[in-house]
């Protein structure tokens, strides 16, 4: 199925964003090639989300979030006191926002090569089930809360998360670059799965 994708990224990762645009053009994946650069002057969150969907995400169905060294919640503020992550946070909030005539998009996190070791930290033996679980560090040190809250959705009472427990999809850059349609489809399909009812748009 053909999808229109939106890429959310930090300016430091522009080269990866450009590689994806080129790849998508070759594979006839429709991409919205722009990003939020100015704060929308309103305290009405519904209005802000509607403007973002209309003017930036348009009729996109999947947002690709590039996870690089500058994509974490802990990036701090800029010289004007604004959160460094203000723009990508709004882009992901607009992705997750779901209202009439403004349906939610799928959310796909692509881990860039310089973040592999920080995100993928091996395996551990579970003290509950005795099985082996992957250690995937998706938290404030690696991503913004809009992604982590929808990757590790709470409350959660199992010893490990499965794909059914996550709305956000996660993949390494190399795997995504070789088969982008597979992961875009996976993120798109999440919109109709039960876990979509547990999405958090504005995590604390």
N, C-alpha and C. Protein backbone atom coordinates (compact mmCIF):
# COMPACT_ATOMS: atom_id res chain seq x y z
N UNK A 1 0.84 -1.19 0.00
CA UNK A 1 0.00 0.00 0.00
C UNK A 1 0.88 1.24 0.00
N UNK A 2 0.50 2.25 -0.77
CA UNK A 2 1.27 3.49 -0.83
C UNK A 2 0.91 4.38 0.35
N UNK A 3 1.90 5.01 0.93
CA UNK A 3 1.69 5.91 2.06
C UNK A 3 2.40 7.23 1.81
N UNK A 4 1.90 8.28 2.44
CA UNK A 4 2.60 9.55 2.43
C UNK A 4 3.29 9.68 3.78
N UNK A 5 4.59 9.88 3.78
CA UNK A 5 5.34 9.92 5.03
C UNK A 5 5.85 11.32 5.33
N UNK A 6 5.98 11.60 6.62
CA UNK A 6 6.56 12.84 7.11
C UNK A 6 7.79 12.47 7.93
N UNK A 7 8.89 13.20 7.75
CA UNK A 7 10.13 12.89 8.47
C UNK A 7 10.38 13.95 9.53
N UNK A 8 10.46 13.53 10.79
CA UNK A 8 10.77 14.41 11.90
C UNK A 8 12.23 14.18 12.28
N UNK A 9 13.02 15.24 12.30
CA UNK A 9 14.46 15.06 12.51
C UNK A 9 15.08 16.33 13.09
N UNK A 10 16.23 16.19 13.69
CA UNK A 10 17.03 17.32 14.15
C UNK A 10 17.95 17.76 13.01
N UNK A 11 18.28 19.06 12.99
CA UNK A 11 19.08 19.59 11.88
C UNK A 11 20.44 18.89 11.78
N UNK A 12 20.94 18.37 12.91
CA UNK A 12 22.23 17.66 12.88
C UNK A 12 22.15 16.36 12.07
N UNK A 13 20.93 15.88 11.83
CA UNK A 13 20.73 14.62 11.10
C UNK A 13 20.17 14.84 9.70
N UNK A 14 20.39 16.05 9.18
CA UNK A 14 19.85 16.41 7.87
C UNK A 14 20.34 15.45 6.77
N UNK A 15 21.59 15.00 6.86
CA UNK A 15 22.12 14.12 5.82
C UNK A 15 21.31 12.81 5.72
N UNK A 16 20.87 12.30 6.86
CA UNK A 16 20.07 11.07 6.85
C UNK A 16 18.68 11.34 6.29
N UNK A 17 18.12 12.48 6.65
CA UNK A 17 16.82 12.85 6.11
C UNK A 17 16.90 12.97 4.59
N UNK A 18 17.96 13.61 4.08
CA UNK A 18 18.12 13.76 2.64
C UNK A 18 18.30 12.41 1.94
N UNK A 19 19.00 11.49 2.59
CA UNK A 19 19.15 10.15 2.01
C UNK A 19 17.81 9.45 1.88
N UNK A 20 16.95 9.64 2.88
CA UNK A 20 15.64 9.02 2.82
C UNK A 20 14.77 9.63 1.73
N UNK A 21 14.81 10.94 1.60
CA UNK A 21 14.03 11.60 0.55
C UNK A 21 14.45 11.08 -0.82
N UNK A 22 15.77 10.94 -1.03
CA UNK A 22 16.27 10.41 -2.29
C UNK A 22 15.82 8.96 -2.50
N UNK A 23 15.92 8.16 -1.44
CA UNK A 23 15.49 6.76 -1.52
C UNK A 23 14.00 6.67 -1.83
N UNK A 24 13.20 7.48 -1.16
CA UNK A 24 11.75 7.44 -1.35
C UNK A 24 11.38 7.88 -2.77
N UNK A 25 12.09 8.88 -3.29
CA UNK A 25 11.81 9.32 -4.66
C UNK A 25 12.07 8.20 -5.67
N UNK A 26 13.11 7.41 -5.41
CA UNK A 26 13.44 6.29 -6.29
C UNK A 26 12.39 5.18 -6.19
N UNK A 27 11.83 5.01 -4.99
CA UNK A 27 10.88 3.93 -4.76
C UNK A 27 9.42 4.39 -4.81
N UNK A 28 9.24 5.65 -5.24
CA UNK A 28 7.89 6.21 -5.39
C UNK A 28 7.09 6.20 -4.09
N UNK A 29 7.80 6.46 -2.96
CA UNK A 29 7.12 6.69 -1.68
C UNK A 29 6.90 8.19 -1.58
N UNK A 30 5.67 8.60 -1.34
CA UNK A 30 5.33 10.02 -1.27
C UNK A 30 5.80 10.59 0.07
N UNK A 31 6.64 11.63 0.03
CA UNK A 31 7.19 12.19 1.26
C UNK A 31 6.89 13.68 1.33
N UNK A 32 6.53 14.15 2.52
CA UNK A 32 6.33 15.57 2.77
C UNK A 32 7.67 16.13 3.18
N UNK A 33 8.28 16.92 2.33
CA UNK A 33 9.66 17.37 2.53
C UNK A 33 9.71 18.77 3.16
N UNK A 34 9.22 18.87 4.39
CA UNK A 34 9.34 20.12 5.14
C UNK A 34 9.19 19.79 6.61
N UNK A 35 9.63 20.74 7.46
CA UNK A 35 9.53 20.51 8.89
C UNK A 35 9.13 21.81 9.58
N UNK A 36 8.68 21.68 10.82
CA UNK A 36 8.24 22.82 11.60
C UNK A 36 9.43 23.67 12.01
N UNK A 37 9.37 24.97 11.71
CA UNK A 37 10.47 25.87 12.07
C UNK A 37 10.04 27.01 12.99
N UNK A 38 8.74 27.24 13.11
CA UNK A 38 8.24 28.34 13.94
C UNK A 38 7.14 27.81 14.86
N UNK A 39 7.17 28.27 16.10
CA UNK A 39 6.14 27.91 17.06
C UNK A 39 4.81 28.54 16.64
N UNK A 40 3.74 27.78 16.69
CA UNK A 40 2.41 28.30 16.35
C UNK A 40 1.89 29.07 17.56
N UNK A 41 1.59 30.38 17.40
CA UNK A 41 1.24 31.24 18.54
C UNK A 41 -0.18 31.03 19.05
N UNK A 42 -0.38 29.98 19.85
CA UNK A 42 -1.69 29.74 20.43
C UNK A 42 -1.54 28.83 21.64
N UNK A 43 -2.39 29.04 22.65
CA UNK A 43 -2.40 28.18 23.83
C UNK A 43 -3.45 27.08 23.71
N UNK A 44 -4.20 27.10 22.61
CA UNK A 44 -5.23 26.09 22.37
C UNK A 44 -4.58 24.88 21.70
N UNK A 45 -4.38 23.82 22.46
CA UNK A 45 -3.64 22.67 21.95
C UNK A 45 -4.33 22.02 20.76
N UNK A 46 -5.65 21.93 20.80
CA UNK A 46 -6.37 21.35 19.67
C UNK A 46 -6.14 22.16 18.40
N UNK A 47 -6.16 23.48 18.55
CA UNK A 47 -5.93 24.35 17.38
C UNK A 47 -4.51 24.15 16.84
N UNK A 48 -3.53 24.12 17.73
CA UNK A 48 -2.14 23.93 17.31
C UNK A 48 -1.98 22.62 16.55
N UNK A 49 -2.57 21.55 17.08
CA UNK A 49 -2.46 20.26 16.42
C UNK A 49 -3.15 20.26 15.06
N UNK A 50 -4.29 20.94 14.95
CA UNK A 50 -4.98 21.02 13.67
C UNK A 50 -4.16 21.77 12.63
N UNK A 51 -3.50 22.86 13.06
CA UNK A 51 -2.64 23.62 12.14
C UNK A 51 -1.45 22.78 11.69
N UNK A 52 -0.85 22.07 12.64
CA UNK A 52 0.29 21.21 12.29
C UNK A 52 -0.12 20.13 11.30
N UNK A 53 -1.26 19.50 11.56
CA UNK A 53 -1.72 18.46 10.63
C UNK A 53 -2.01 19.06 9.26
N UNK A 54 -2.64 20.22 9.23
CA UNK A 54 -3.04 20.83 7.96
C UNK A 54 -1.85 21.36 7.17
N UNK A 55 -0.96 22.08 7.85
CA UNK A 55 0.11 22.80 7.14
C UNK A 55 1.42 22.03 7.02
N UNK A 56 1.61 21.02 7.85
CA UNK A 56 2.89 20.32 7.84
C UNK A 56 2.74 18.82 7.54
N UNK A 57 1.90 18.15 8.32
CA UNK A 57 1.77 16.71 8.11
C UNK A 57 0.74 16.38 7.03
N UNK A 58 -0.09 17.38 6.69
CA UNK A 58 -1.08 17.23 5.61
C UNK A 58 -1.81 15.91 5.74
N UNK A 59 -1.86 15.12 4.66
CA UNK A 59 -2.57 13.84 4.72
C UNK A 59 -1.59 12.68 4.90
N UNK A 60 -0.50 12.93 5.64
CA UNK A 60 0.47 11.86 5.88
C UNK A 60 -0.16 10.76 6.71
N UNK A 61 0.34 9.55 6.55
CA UNK A 61 -0.18 8.41 7.30
C UNK A 61 0.87 7.80 8.23
N UNK A 62 2.14 8.12 8.02
CA UNK A 62 3.21 7.61 8.89
C UNK A 62 4.25 8.71 9.08
N UNK A 63 4.66 8.92 10.34
CA UNK A 63 5.77 9.83 10.65
C UNK A 63 7.00 9.01 10.98
N UNK A 64 8.10 9.34 10.31
CA UNK A 64 9.38 8.70 10.58
C UNK A 64 10.20 9.63 11.47
N UNK A 65 10.54 9.16 12.64
CA UNK A 65 11.30 9.94 13.62
C UNK A 65 12.74 9.44 13.62
N UNK A 66 13.67 10.29 13.16
CA UNK A 66 15.08 9.91 13.12
C UNK A 66 15.69 10.07 14.51
N UNK A 67 16.19 8.99 15.07
CA UNK A 67 16.73 8.98 16.43
C UNK A 67 18.25 9.08 16.36
N UNK A 68 18.75 10.29 16.59
CA UNK A 68 20.18 10.54 16.56
C UNK A 68 20.68 11.03 17.90
N UNK A 69 21.89 11.57 17.93
CA UNK A 69 22.51 11.99 19.17
C UNK A 69 21.87 13.21 19.80
N UNK A 70 21.01 13.91 19.04
CA UNK A 70 20.39 15.14 19.54
C UNK A 70 18.88 15.03 19.65
N UNK A 71 18.36 13.80 19.75
CA UNK A 71 16.91 13.58 19.73
C UNK A 71 16.33 13.26 21.10
N UNK A 72 17.09 13.44 22.16
CA UNK A 72 16.63 13.00 23.48
C UNK A 72 15.88 14.09 24.24
N UNK A 73 15.16 13.66 25.26
CA UNK A 73 14.42 14.57 26.14
C UNK A 73 15.38 15.46 26.92
N UNK A 74 16.60 15.04 27.10
CA UNK A 74 17.55 15.73 27.98
C UNK A 74 18.41 16.78 27.26
N UNK A 75 17.98 17.22 26.11
CA UNK A 75 18.80 18.16 25.34
C UNK A 75 18.86 19.56 25.94
N UNK A 76 17.92 19.91 26.84
CA UNK A 76 17.96 21.23 27.47
C UNK A 76 17.29 22.31 26.63
N UNK A 77 17.67 23.58 26.88
CA UNK A 77 17.03 24.72 26.22
C UNK A 77 18.00 25.46 25.32
N UNK A 78 17.44 26.25 24.38
CA UNK A 78 18.29 27.06 23.51
C UNK A 78 18.55 28.41 24.17
N UNK A 79 19.20 29.33 23.46
CA UNK A 79 19.61 30.59 24.06
C UNK A 79 18.43 31.49 24.41
N UNK A 80 17.24 31.20 23.86
CA UNK A 80 16.05 31.98 24.18
C UNK A 80 15.19 31.30 25.25
N UNK A 81 15.71 30.22 25.80
CA UNK A 81 15.00 29.54 26.86
C UNK A 81 13.96 28.54 26.38
N UNK A 82 13.84 28.34 25.07
CA UNK A 82 12.88 27.38 24.54
C UNK A 82 13.50 25.99 24.55
N UNK A 83 12.68 24.96 24.78
CA UNK A 83 13.22 23.60 24.71
C UNK A 83 13.82 23.33 23.33
N UNK A 84 15.00 22.75 23.29
CA UNK A 84 15.60 22.40 22.00
C UNK A 84 14.71 21.47 21.20
N UNK A 85 13.88 20.72 21.91
CA UNK A 85 13.07 19.71 21.23
C UNK A 85 11.66 20.19 20.93
N UNK A 86 11.40 21.48 21.05
CA UNK A 86 10.04 22.00 20.88
C UNK A 86 9.43 21.58 19.55
N UNK A 87 10.19 21.65 18.48
CA UNK A 87 9.63 21.38 17.16
C UNK A 87 9.35 19.90 16.94
N UNK A 88 10.33 19.03 17.27
CA UNK A 88 10.07 17.61 17.04
C UNK A 88 9.02 17.08 18.00
N UNK A 89 8.92 17.67 19.20
CA UNK A 89 7.87 17.24 20.12
C UNK A 89 6.49 17.57 19.53
N UNK A 90 6.34 18.76 18.97
CA UNK A 90 5.06 19.14 18.36
C UNK A 90 4.75 18.27 17.14
N UNK A 91 5.78 17.94 16.38
CA UNK A 91 5.56 17.09 15.20
C UNK A 91 5.06 15.71 15.60
N UNK A 92 5.64 15.15 16.67
CA UNK A 92 5.18 13.83 17.11
C UNK A 92 3.81 13.92 17.79
N UNK A 93 3.55 15.01 18.52
CA UNK A 93 2.22 15.18 19.10
C UNK A 93 1.16 15.26 18.00
N UNK A 94 1.45 16.00 16.93
CA UNK A 94 0.50 16.09 15.82
C UNK A 94 0.33 14.75 15.12
N UNK A 95 1.40 13.95 15.11
CA UNK A 95 1.33 12.60 14.56
C UNK A 95 0.35 11.74 15.35
N UNK A 96 0.38 11.86 16.66
CA UNK A 96 -0.40 11.01 17.56
C UNK A 96 -1.81 11.54 17.80
N UNK A 97 -2.02 12.80 17.49
CA UNK A 97 -3.31 13.48 17.70
C UNK A 97 -4.39 12.83 16.84
N UNK A 98 -5.54 12.56 17.46
CA UNK A 98 -6.60 11.85 16.75
C UNK A 98 -7.95 12.50 17.02
N UNK A 99 -8.51 13.14 16.00
CA UNK A 99 -9.82 13.78 16.09
C UNK A 99 -10.56 13.53 14.79
N UNK A 100 -11.83 13.89 14.77
CA UNK A 100 -12.61 13.75 13.54
C UNK A 100 -11.97 14.59 12.43
N UNK A 101 -11.85 14.02 11.25
CA UNK A 101 -11.20 14.66 10.09
C UNK A 101 -9.72 14.95 10.35
N UNK A 102 -9.13 14.27 11.30
CA UNK A 102 -7.73 14.53 11.66
C UNK A 102 -7.14 13.25 12.27
N UNK A 103 -7.12 12.18 11.48
CA UNK A 103 -6.77 10.88 12.05
C UNK A 103 -5.29 10.75 12.38
N UNK A 104 -5.02 9.93 13.39
CA UNK A 104 -3.67 9.66 13.86
C UNK A 104 -2.83 8.99 12.78
N UNK A 105 -1.53 9.28 12.79
CA UNK A 105 -0.58 8.62 11.88
C UNK A 105 0.15 7.51 12.62
N UNK A 106 0.77 6.62 11.88
CA UNK A 106 1.67 5.64 12.46
C UNK A 106 2.96 6.33 12.87
N UNK A 107 3.68 5.77 13.83
CA UNK A 107 4.92 6.37 14.33
C UNK A 107 6.05 5.35 14.22
N UNK A 108 7.07 5.71 13.45
CA UNK A 108 8.19 4.81 13.17
C UNK A 108 9.51 5.47 13.56
N UNK A 109 10.19 4.91 14.55
CA UNK A 109 11.48 5.43 14.98
C UNK A 109 12.61 4.70 14.27
N UNK A 110 13.49 5.46 13.64
CA UNK A 110 14.64 4.88 12.93
C UNK A 110 15.90 5.28 13.69
N UNK A 111 16.57 4.29 14.27
CA UNK A 111 17.77 4.54 15.07
C UNK A 111 18.96 4.71 14.13
N UNK A 112 19.59 5.88 14.18
CA UNK A 112 20.74 6.15 13.31
C UNK A 112 21.98 5.40 13.81
N UNK A 113 22.92 5.10 12.91
CA UNK A 113 24.07 4.25 13.27
C UNK A 113 24.85 4.70 14.50
N UNK A 114 24.98 6.01 14.69
CA UNK A 114 25.76 6.48 15.84
C UNK A 114 25.03 6.29 17.17
N UNK A 115 23.81 5.75 17.12
CA UNK A 115 23.04 5.49 18.34
C UNK A 115 22.82 4.01 18.61
N UNK A 116 23.33 3.15 17.74
CA UNK A 116 23.08 1.71 17.91
C UNK A 116 23.48 1.22 19.29
N UNK A 117 24.71 1.50 19.71
CA UNK A 117 25.20 0.97 20.98
C UNK A 117 24.48 1.56 22.18
N UNK A 118 24.01 2.79 22.03
CA UNK A 118 23.32 3.44 23.14
C UNK A 118 21.90 2.90 23.30
N UNK A 119 21.25 2.55 22.18
CA UNK A 119 19.87 2.06 22.23
C UNK A 119 19.81 0.55 22.43
N UNK A 120 20.60 -0.18 21.65
CA UNK A 120 20.56 -1.64 21.70
C UNK A 120 21.69 -2.14 22.60
N UNK A 121 21.31 -2.57 23.81
CA UNK A 121 22.30 -2.86 24.85
C UNK A 121 22.41 -4.35 25.20
N UNK A 122 22.16 -5.19 24.22
CA UNK A 122 22.35 -6.62 24.45
C UNK A 122 21.12 -7.30 25.02
N UNK A 123 21.34 -8.36 25.79
CA UNK A 123 20.25 -9.15 26.34
C UNK A 123 20.46 -9.39 27.83
N UNK A 124 19.39 -9.84 28.48
CA UNK A 124 19.48 -10.21 29.89
C UNK A 124 18.56 -11.39 30.16
N UNK A 125 18.86 -12.14 31.21
CA UNK A 125 18.02 -13.27 31.63
C UNK A 125 16.95 -12.73 32.57
N UNK A 126 15.72 -13.03 32.27
CA UNK A 126 14.59 -12.53 33.05
C UNK A 126 14.42 -13.34 34.34
N UNK A 127 14.33 -12.65 35.47
CA UNK A 127 14.16 -13.33 36.76
C UNK A 127 12.74 -13.86 36.95
N UNK A 128 11.80 -13.38 36.09
CA UNK A 128 10.41 -13.82 36.21
C UNK A 128 10.13 -15.07 35.39
N UNK A 129 10.50 -15.02 34.09
CA UNK A 129 10.18 -16.15 33.21
C UNK A 129 11.38 -17.03 32.90
N UNK A 130 12.58 -16.58 33.21
CA UNK A 130 13.78 -17.35 32.93
C UNK A 130 14.24 -17.27 31.48
N UNK A 131 13.49 -16.52 30.66
CA UNK A 131 13.86 -16.36 29.25
C UNK A 131 14.84 -15.23 29.04
N UNK A 132 15.25 -15.06 27.79
CA UNK A 132 16.18 -13.99 27.43
C UNK A 132 15.41 -12.85 26.78
N UNK A 133 15.63 -11.63 27.27
CA UNK A 133 14.97 -10.45 26.72
C UNK A 133 16.02 -9.47 26.19
N UNK A 134 15.66 -8.78 25.12
CA UNK A 134 16.53 -7.73 24.59
C UNK A 134 16.45 -6.50 25.48
N UNK A 135 17.57 -5.84 25.65
CA UNK A 135 17.61 -4.58 26.40
C UNK A 135 17.63 -3.45 25.38
N UNK A 136 16.55 -2.69 25.31
CA UNK A 136 16.42 -1.59 24.34
C UNK A 136 16.18 -0.31 25.13
N UNK A 137 17.18 0.58 25.13
CA UNK A 137 17.11 1.81 25.93
C UNK A 137 16.37 2.90 25.16
N UNK A 138 15.06 2.90 25.30
CA UNK A 138 14.22 3.97 24.76
C UNK A 138 13.70 4.72 25.97
N UNK A 139 14.37 5.83 26.29
CA UNK A 139 14.06 6.60 27.49
C UNK A 139 14.50 8.04 27.27
N UNK A 140 14.51 8.84 28.33
CA UNK A 140 14.83 10.27 28.20
C UNK A 140 16.24 10.53 27.71
N UNK A 141 17.13 9.54 27.84
CA UNK A 141 18.51 9.74 27.40
C UNK A 141 18.70 9.48 25.91
N UNK A 142 17.68 8.91 25.26
CA UNK A 142 17.82 8.58 23.84
C UNK A 142 16.75 9.22 22.95
N UNK A 143 15.55 9.44 23.48
CA UNK A 143 14.45 9.97 22.66
C UNK A 143 13.62 10.95 23.47
N UNK A 144 12.71 11.66 22.79
CA UNK A 144 11.75 12.50 23.49
C UNK A 144 10.63 11.63 24.04
N UNK A 145 9.92 12.15 25.04
CA UNK A 145 8.88 11.36 25.72
C UNK A 145 7.74 10.97 24.79
N UNK A 146 7.47 11.77 23.76
CA UNK A 146 6.39 11.43 22.84
C UNK A 146 6.63 10.10 22.16
N UNK A 147 7.89 9.74 21.99
CA UNK A 147 8.20 8.43 21.41
C UNK A 147 8.26 7.36 22.49
N UNK A 148 9.00 7.60 23.56
CA UNK A 148 9.18 6.55 24.58
C UNK A 148 7.87 6.14 25.23
N UNK A 149 6.96 7.10 25.46
CA UNK A 149 5.69 6.79 26.11
C UNK A 149 4.81 5.91 25.24
N UNK A 150 5.05 5.90 23.95
CA UNK A 150 4.25 5.09 23.03
C UNK A 150 5.00 3.87 22.51
N UNK A 151 6.23 3.71 22.99
CA UNK A 151 7.00 2.49 22.74
C UNK A 151 6.90 1.58 23.96
N UNK A 152 7.14 2.15 25.12
CA UNK A 152 6.93 1.42 26.37
C UNK A 152 5.66 1.98 27.02
N UNK A 153 4.51 1.50 26.58
CA UNK A 153 3.23 2.00 27.05
C UNK A 153 2.94 1.45 28.45
N UNK A 154 2.51 2.34 29.34
CA UNK A 154 2.17 1.95 30.71
C UNK A 154 0.69 2.23 30.96
N UNK A 155 0.07 1.49 31.90
CA UNK A 155 0.66 0.43 32.73
C UNK A 155 0.94 -0.83 31.93
N UNK A 156 1.88 -1.62 32.47
CA UNK A 156 2.30 -2.84 31.79
C UNK A 156 2.62 -3.88 32.86
N UNK A 157 1.99 -5.05 32.80
CA UNK A 157 2.16 -6.03 33.86
C UNK A 157 2.81 -7.33 33.42
N UNK A 158 3.47 -7.32 32.25
CA UNK A 158 4.20 -8.50 31.80
C UNK A 158 5.69 -8.32 32.10
N UNK A 159 6.45 -9.39 31.96
CA UNK A 159 7.89 -9.27 32.23
C UNK A 159 8.64 -8.65 31.06
N UNK A 160 8.00 -8.59 29.89
CA UNK A 160 8.63 -7.96 28.73
C UNK A 160 7.54 -7.46 27.79
N UNK A 161 7.90 -6.50 26.97
CA UNK A 161 6.98 -5.95 25.97
C UNK A 161 7.02 -6.79 24.70
N UNK A 162 5.85 -6.93 24.07
CA UNK A 162 5.77 -7.53 22.74
C UNK A 162 5.32 -6.45 21.76
N UNK A 163 5.29 -6.76 20.49
CA UNK A 163 4.84 -5.78 19.50
C UNK A 163 3.39 -5.36 19.74
N UNK A 164 2.59 -6.25 20.32
CA UNK A 164 1.19 -5.91 20.61
C UNK A 164 1.07 -4.87 21.71
N UNK A 165 2.15 -4.68 22.49
CA UNK A 165 2.13 -3.73 23.61
C UNK A 165 2.66 -2.36 23.21
N UNK A 166 3.08 -2.21 21.96
CA UNK A 166 3.70 -0.96 21.52
C UNK A 166 2.93 -0.33 20.37
N UNK A 167 2.80 0.99 20.41
CA UNK A 167 2.26 1.69 19.24
C UNK A 167 3.41 2.10 18.32
N UNK A 168 4.45 2.68 18.89
CA UNK A 168 5.61 3.09 18.10
C UNK A 168 6.40 1.87 17.62
N UNK A 169 6.86 1.94 16.40
CA UNK A 169 7.70 0.89 15.81
C UNK A 169 9.15 1.38 15.82
N UNK A 170 10.09 0.47 16.08
CA UNK A 170 11.50 0.83 16.16
C UNK A 170 12.32 -0.05 15.23
N UNK A 171 13.30 0.55 14.54
CA UNK A 171 14.14 -0.21 13.62
C UNK A 171 15.48 0.49 13.47
N UNK A 172 16.52 -0.29 13.21
CA UNK A 172 17.84 0.28 12.92
C UNK A 172 17.84 0.87 11.51
N UNK A 173 18.65 1.89 11.32
CA UNK A 173 18.78 2.57 10.04
C UNK A 173 19.06 1.61 8.89
N UNK A 174 20.03 0.71 9.07
CA UNK A 174 20.43 -0.20 7.98
C UNK A 174 19.27 -1.10 7.56
N UNK A 175 18.55 -1.61 8.53
CA UNK A 175 17.42 -2.48 8.22
C UNK A 175 16.32 -1.70 7.51
N UNK A 176 16.06 -0.51 8.01
CA UNK A 176 15.01 0.31 7.40
C UNK A 176 15.38 0.70 5.97
N UNK A 177 16.62 1.12 5.78
CA UNK A 177 17.06 1.60 4.46
C UNK A 177 16.95 0.50 3.40
N UNK A 178 17.15 -0.75 3.81
CA UNK A 178 17.10 -1.84 2.84
C UNK A 178 15.67 -2.27 2.51
N UNK A 179 14.72 -2.05 3.42
CA UNK A 179 13.33 -2.46 3.18
C UNK A 179 12.36 -1.46 3.81
N UNK A 180 12.36 -0.21 3.37
CA UNK A 180 11.53 0.80 4.05
C UNK A 180 10.04 0.50 4.05
N UNK A 181 9.54 -0.06 2.94
CA UNK A 181 8.09 -0.29 2.85
C UNK A 181 7.59 -1.25 3.93
N UNK A 182 8.42 -2.24 4.30
CA UNK A 182 8.02 -3.21 5.31
C UNK A 182 7.71 -2.52 6.63
N UNK A 183 8.59 -1.61 7.05
CA UNK A 183 8.43 -0.96 8.34
C UNK A 183 7.40 0.18 8.29
N UNK A 184 7.30 0.84 7.16
CA UNK A 184 6.26 1.86 6.99
C UNK A 184 4.88 1.20 7.07
N UNK A 185 4.73 0.06 6.41
CA UNK A 185 3.46 -0.68 6.50
C UNK A 185 3.16 -1.10 7.94
N UNK A 186 4.20 -1.55 8.65
CA UNK A 186 4.00 -2.00 10.03
C UNK A 186 3.51 -0.84 10.90
N UNK A 187 4.12 0.33 10.74
CA UNK A 187 3.71 1.50 11.52
C UNK A 187 2.29 1.93 11.14
N UNK A 188 1.97 1.89 9.86
CA UNK A 188 0.63 2.26 9.39
C UNK A 188 -0.43 1.33 9.98
N UNK A 189 -0.15 0.04 10.01
CA UNK A 189 -1.12 -0.95 10.49
C UNK A 189 -1.41 -0.78 11.98
N UNK A 190 -0.47 -0.21 12.74
CA UNK A 190 -0.69 -0.01 14.17
C UNK A 190 -1.90 0.88 14.44
N UNK A 191 -2.24 1.73 13.49
CA UNK A 191 -3.35 2.67 13.69
C UNK A 191 -4.67 1.96 13.95
N UNK A 192 -4.81 0.74 13.46
CA UNK A 192 -6.06 0.00 13.59
C UNK A 192 -5.98 -1.11 14.62
N UNK A 193 -4.85 -1.23 15.30
CA UNK A 193 -4.69 -2.28 16.30
C UNK A 193 -5.17 -1.79 17.67
N UNK A 194 -5.53 -2.70 18.58
CA UNK A 194 -6.03 -2.30 19.90
C UNK A 194 -5.09 -1.36 20.66
N UNK A 195 -3.78 -1.51 20.46
CA UNK A 195 -2.83 -0.67 21.19
C UNK A 195 -2.99 0.80 20.84
N UNK A 196 -3.60 1.13 19.70
CA UNK A 196 -3.82 2.53 19.32
C UNK A 196 -4.72 3.24 20.31
N UNK A 197 -5.54 2.49 21.03
CA UNK A 197 -6.41 3.08 22.03
C UNK A 197 -5.66 3.49 23.29
N UNK A 198 -4.38 3.15 23.36
CA UNK A 198 -3.58 3.46 24.56
C UNK A 198 -2.50 4.50 24.27
N UNK A 199 -2.61 5.17 23.15
CA UNK A 199 -1.63 6.19 22.77
C UNK A 199 -1.68 7.39 23.72
N UNK A 200 -0.52 7.93 24.04
CA UNK A 200 -0.41 9.16 24.83
C UNK A 200 0.11 10.26 23.93
N UNK A 201 -0.68 11.31 23.75
CA UNK A 201 -0.29 12.42 22.86
C UNK A 201 0.60 13.41 23.59
N UNK A 202 0.28 13.70 24.86
CA UNK A 202 1.02 14.70 25.62
C UNK A 202 1.60 14.05 26.88
N UNK A 203 2.65 13.29 26.78
CA UNK A 203 3.23 12.61 27.96
C UNK A 203 3.86 13.61 28.92
N UNK A 204 3.85 13.25 30.19
CA UNK A 204 4.45 14.13 31.22
C UNK A 204 5.82 13.63 31.63
